[in-house]
Amino acid sequence: MRKRIDDYFVIVQRSVKDSVPKAIGWFLVRKSEEVLQMELYSIVNTNDQLAAQLGEPQRITERRKALTDINNTLRNALKVLQRDPE
């Protein structure tokens, strides 16, 4: 019985020895990912040339605004047409 308990203790001890470095490494990797993501995010936001290259062209932005205005006008017109004449 004592031999089984000693063997079990050795297995548990080995398992803990293996899992502690894995847990520490996991936390270190997560922390470095967060730091890296924040640094990349701040660099992209402060670089105007990069933001202009990653953004959409000006003509598409203008077209989207025009279509949004037309859509709002048509919705308002539909509300007026569907209103009761009271």
N, C-alpha and C. Protein backbone atom coordinates (compact mmCIF):
# COMPACT_ATOMS: atom_id res chain seq x y z
N MET A 1 0.83 -1.19 0.00
CA MET A 1 0.00 0.00 0.00
C MET A 1 0.89 1.27 0.00
N ARG A 2 1.92 1.22 0.83
CA ARG A 2 2.83 2.36 0.91
C ARG A 2 3.50 2.62 -0.44
N LYS A 3 3.84 1.59 -1.16
CA LYS A 3 4.47 1.71 -2.49
C LYS A 3 3.52 2.40 -3.47
N ARG A 4 2.25 2.05 -3.42
CA ARG A 4 1.27 2.68 -4.31
C ARG A 4 1.11 4.16 -4.00
N ILE A 5 1.08 4.49 -2.72
CA ILE A 5 0.96 5.91 -2.33
C ILE A 5 2.19 6.69 -2.78
N ASP A 6 3.37 6.11 -2.61
CA ASP A 6 4.60 6.77 -3.05
C ASP A 6 4.61 6.95 -4.57
N ASP A 7 4.17 5.94 -5.31
CA ASP A 7 4.11 6.04 -6.78
C ASP A 7 3.11 7.10 -7.21
N TYR A 8 1.98 7.14 -6.53
CA TYR A 8 0.97 8.16 -6.85
C TYR A 8 1.52 9.55 -6.57
N PHE A 9 2.22 9.70 -5.45
CA PHE A 9 2.81 10.99 -5.11
C PHE A 9 3.82 11.43 -6.16
N VAL A 10 4.61 10.51 -6.67
CA VAL A 10 5.59 10.82 -7.71
C VAL A 10 4.88 11.28 -8.98
N ILE A 11 3.79 10.62 -9.32
CA ILE A 11 3.03 11.01 -10.52
C ILE A 11 2.42 12.40 -10.36
N VAL A 12 1.84 12.67 -9.21
CA VAL A 12 1.24 13.99 -8.96
C VAL A 12 2.32 15.06 -8.96
N GLN A 13 3.45 14.77 -8.34
CA GLN A 13 4.55 15.74 -8.30
C GLN A 13 5.06 16.04 -9.70
N ARG A 14 5.21 15.04 -10.56
CA ARG A 14 5.66 15.24 -11.93
C ARG A 14 4.63 16.07 -12.71
N SER A 15 3.37 15.78 -12.48
CA SER A 15 2.31 16.51 -13.16
C SER A 15 2.34 18.00 -12.79
N VAL A 16 2.52 18.28 -11.51
CA VAL A 16 2.59 19.68 -11.06
C VAL A 16 3.83 20.35 -11.63
N LYS A 17 4.94 19.66 -11.63
CA LYS A 17 6.18 20.23 -12.18
C LYS A 17 6.02 20.55 -13.67
N ASP A 18 5.24 19.75 -14.38
CA ASP A 18 5.02 20.00 -15.80
C ASP A 18 4.00 21.12 -16.03
N SER A 19 2.98 21.21 -15.20
CA SER A 19 1.90 22.16 -15.45
C SER A 19 2.24 23.58 -15.02
N VAL A 20 3.08 23.75 -14.00
CA VAL A 20 3.41 25.11 -13.54
C VAL A 20 4.15 25.91 -14.62
N PRO A 21 5.21 25.39 -15.24
CA PRO A 21 5.85 26.17 -16.31
C PRO A 21 4.93 26.44 -17.49
N LYS A 22 4.04 25.49 -17.79
CA LYS A 22 3.08 25.71 -18.88
C LYS A 22 2.15 26.87 -18.54
N ALA A 23 1.68 26.93 -17.32
CA ALA A 23 0.78 28.01 -16.91
C ALA A 23 1.50 29.35 -16.93
N ILE A 24 2.71 29.38 -16.43
CA ILE A 24 3.48 30.63 -16.43
C ILE A 24 3.74 31.07 -17.87
N GLY A 25 4.12 30.16 -18.74
CA GLY A 25 4.35 30.49 -20.14
C GLY A 25 3.09 31.00 -20.81
N TRP A 26 1.96 30.40 -20.49
CA TRP A 26 0.69 30.84 -21.09
C TRP A 26 0.39 32.27 -20.69
N PHE A 27 0.57 32.61 -19.40
CA PHE A 27 0.31 33.98 -18.95
C PHE A 27 1.29 34.97 -19.59
N LEU A 28 2.55 34.57 -19.73
CA LEU A 28 3.53 35.45 -20.36
C LEU A 28 3.20 35.69 -21.83
N VAL A 29 2.76 34.65 -22.53
CA VAL A 29 2.39 34.81 -23.93
C VAL A 29 1.18 35.71 -24.07
N ARG A 30 0.17 35.52 -23.23
CA ARG A 30 -1.03 36.36 -23.28
C ARG A 30 -0.68 37.83 -23.02
N LYS A 31 0.17 38.08 -22.04
CA LYS A 31 0.56 39.46 -21.71
C LYS A 31 1.32 40.08 -22.87
N SER A 32 2.24 39.33 -23.47
CA SER A 32 3.01 39.89 -24.59
C SER A 32 2.11 40.13 -25.80
N GLU A 33 1.10 39.28 -26.01
CA GLU A 33 0.15 39.50 -27.11
C GLU A 33 -0.62 40.80 -26.90
N GLU A 34 -1.06 41.06 -25.67
CA GLU A 34 -1.80 42.28 -25.37
C GLU A 34 -0.93 43.51 -25.58
N VAL A 35 0.30 43.45 -25.10
CA VAL A 35 1.22 44.58 -25.25
C VAL A 35 1.50 44.84 -26.72
N LEU A 36 1.77 43.77 -27.46
CA LEU A 36 2.06 43.90 -28.89
C LEU A 36 0.86 44.47 -29.64
N GLN A 37 -0.33 44.00 -29.31
CA GLN A 37 -1.53 44.49 -29.97
C GLN A 37 -1.73 45.98 -29.69
N MET A 38 -1.54 46.41 -28.46
CA MET A 38 -1.72 47.82 -28.13
C MET A 38 -0.66 48.69 -28.82
N GLU A 39 0.58 48.22 -28.89
CA GLU A 39 1.62 48.98 -29.56
C GLU A 39 1.34 49.10 -31.06
N LEU A 40 0.94 48.00 -31.70
CA LEU A 40 0.60 48.06 -33.12
C LEU A 40 -0.59 48.98 -33.36
N TYR A 41 -1.58 48.91 -32.50
CA TYR A 41 -2.77 49.75 -32.63
C TYR A 41 -2.40 51.22 -32.52
N SER A 42 -1.55 51.56 -31.56
CA SER A 42 -1.17 52.97 -31.39
C SER A 42 -0.31 53.45 -32.56
N ILE A 43 0.55 52.60 -33.10
CA ILE A 43 1.38 52.98 -34.24
C ILE A 43 0.51 53.22 -35.47
N VAL A 44 -0.46 52.34 -35.70
CA VAL A 44 -1.34 52.50 -36.86
C VAL A 44 -2.17 53.77 -36.72
N ASN A 45 -2.63 54.07 -35.51
CA ASN A 45 -3.47 55.26 -35.32
C ASN A 45 -2.68 56.56 -35.44
N THR A 46 -1.41 56.54 -35.11
CA THR A 46 -0.62 57.77 -35.18
C THR A 46 0.00 58.00 -36.55
N ASN A 47 0.02 56.99 -37.40
CA ASN A 47 0.61 57.12 -38.72
C ASN A 47 -0.48 57.50 -39.72
N ASP A 48 -0.52 58.76 -40.13
CA ASP A 48 -1.56 59.25 -41.03
C ASP A 48 -1.45 58.61 -42.41
N GLN A 49 -0.24 58.44 -42.90
CA GLN A 49 -0.06 57.85 -44.22
C GLN A 49 -0.56 56.41 -44.26
N LEU A 50 -0.27 55.66 -43.22
CA LEU A 50 -0.73 54.28 -43.15
C LEU A 50 -2.26 54.22 -43.04
N ALA A 51 -2.84 55.12 -42.26
CA ALA A 51 -4.29 55.15 -42.13
C ALA A 51 -4.95 55.51 -43.46
N ALA A 52 -4.33 56.40 -44.22
CA ALA A 52 -4.88 56.77 -45.53
C ALA A 52 -4.80 55.59 -46.50
N GLN A 53 -3.74 54.82 -46.43
CA GLN A 53 -3.61 53.68 -47.32
C GLN A 53 -4.58 52.55 -46.96
N LEU A 54 -4.84 52.38 -45.67
CA LEU A 54 -5.75 51.33 -45.23
C LEU A 54 -7.22 51.73 -45.34
N GLY A 55 -7.49 53.02 -45.40
CA GLY A 55 -8.87 53.50 -45.48
C GLY A 55 -9.42 53.37 -46.90
N GLU A 56 -10.71 53.65 -47.02
CA GLU A 56 -11.33 53.57 -48.34
C GLU A 56 -11.10 54.86 -49.11
N PRO A 57 -11.16 54.81 -50.43
CA PRO A 57 -10.94 56.01 -51.23
C PRO A 57 -12.02 57.07 -50.96
N GLN A 58 -11.65 58.31 -51.22
CA GLN A 58 -12.54 59.45 -50.95
C GLN A 58 -13.82 59.36 -51.77
N ARG A 59 -13.73 58.91 -53.02
CA ARG A 59 -14.92 58.85 -53.87
C ARG A 59 -15.94 57.86 -53.32
N ILE A 60 -15.47 56.77 -52.71
CA ILE A 60 -16.39 55.80 -52.13
C ILE A 60 -17.06 56.38 -50.89
N THR A 61 -16.30 57.12 -50.10
CA THR A 61 -16.87 57.77 -48.92
C THR A 61 -17.95 58.76 -49.32
N GLU A 62 -17.67 59.56 -50.36
CA GLU A 62 -18.67 60.52 -50.83
C GLU A 62 -19.91 59.82 -51.37
N ARG A 63 -19.71 58.73 -52.10
CA ARG A 63 -20.83 57.97 -52.67
C ARG A 63 -21.68 57.37 -51.55
N ARG A 64 -21.04 56.84 -50.51
CA ARG A 64 -21.77 56.27 -49.38
C ARG A 64 -22.61 57.33 -48.68
N LYS A 65 -22.04 58.52 -48.50
CA LYS A 65 -22.79 59.61 -47.86
C LYS A 65 -23.98 60.03 -48.71
N ALA A 66 -23.78 60.12 -50.02
CA ALA A 66 -24.88 60.49 -50.91
C ALA A 66 -25.99 59.45 -50.88
N LEU A 67 -25.63 58.18 -50.91
CA LEU A 67 -26.63 57.12 -50.87
C LEU A 67 -27.35 57.07 -49.53
N THR A 68 -26.65 57.35 -48.46
CA THR A 68 -27.28 57.41 -47.14
C THR A 68 -28.29 58.54 -47.08
N ASP A 69 -27.93 59.70 -47.63
CA ASP A 69 -28.86 60.83 -47.67
C ASP A 69 -30.10 60.49 -48.50
N ILE A 70 -29.91 59.85 -49.64
CA ILE A 70 -31.05 59.46 -50.49
C ILE A 70 -31.94 58.46 -49.75
N ASN A 71 -31.32 57.51 -49.08
CA ASN A 71 -32.07 56.50 -48.33
C ASN A 71 -32.90 57.16 -47.22
N ASN A 72 -32.32 58.11 -46.50
CA ASN A 72 -33.06 58.81 -45.45
C ASN A 72 -34.22 59.62 -46.03
N THR A 73 -33.99 60.26 -47.16
CA THR A 73 -35.05 61.04 -47.80
C THR A 73 -36.21 60.13 -48.23
N LEU A 74 -35.88 58.98 -48.81
CA LEU A 74 -36.92 58.05 -49.24
C LEU A 74 -37.69 57.47 -48.05
N ARG A 75 -37.03 57.20 -46.96
CA ARG A 75 -37.72 56.70 -45.77
C ARG A 75 -38.68 57.76 -45.22
N ASN A 76 -38.22 58.99 -45.18
CA ASN A 76 -39.10 60.07 -44.71
C ASN A 76 -40.30 60.24 -45.64
N ALA A 77 -40.07 60.13 -46.94
CA ALA A 77 -41.16 60.25 -47.90
C ALA A 77 -42.16 59.12 -47.72
N LEU A 78 -41.68 57.92 -47.47
CA LEU A 78 -42.57 56.78 -47.24
C LEU A 78 -43.40 56.99 -45.98
N LYS A 79 -42.80 57.53 -44.93
CA LYS A 79 -43.56 57.82 -43.71
C LYS A 79 -44.66 58.83 -43.98
N VAL A 80 -44.35 59.86 -44.78
CA VAL A 80 -45.35 60.88 -45.09
C VAL A 80 -46.48 60.26 -45.91
N LEU A 81 -46.17 59.40 -46.86
CA LEU A 81 -47.20 58.78 -47.71
C LEU A 81 -48.08 57.81 -46.92
N GLN A 82 -47.52 57.16 -45.93
CA GLN A 82 -48.28 56.17 -45.16
C GLN A 82 -49.04 56.79 -43.98
N ARG A 83 -48.84 58.06 -43.74
CA ARG A 83 -49.49 58.73 -42.61
C ARG A 83 -50.99 58.87 -42.87
N ASP A 84 -51.76 58.81 -41.81
CA ASP A 84 -53.22 59.01 -41.93
C ASP A 84 -53.49 60.45 -42.29
N PRO A 85 -54.51 60.69 -43.14
CA PRO A 85 -54.80 62.09 -43.57
C PRO A 85 -55.55 62.89 -42.53
N GLU A 86 -55.64 62.44 -41.34
CA GLU A 86 -56.39 63.15 -40.30
C GLU A 86 -55.75 64.41 -39.94
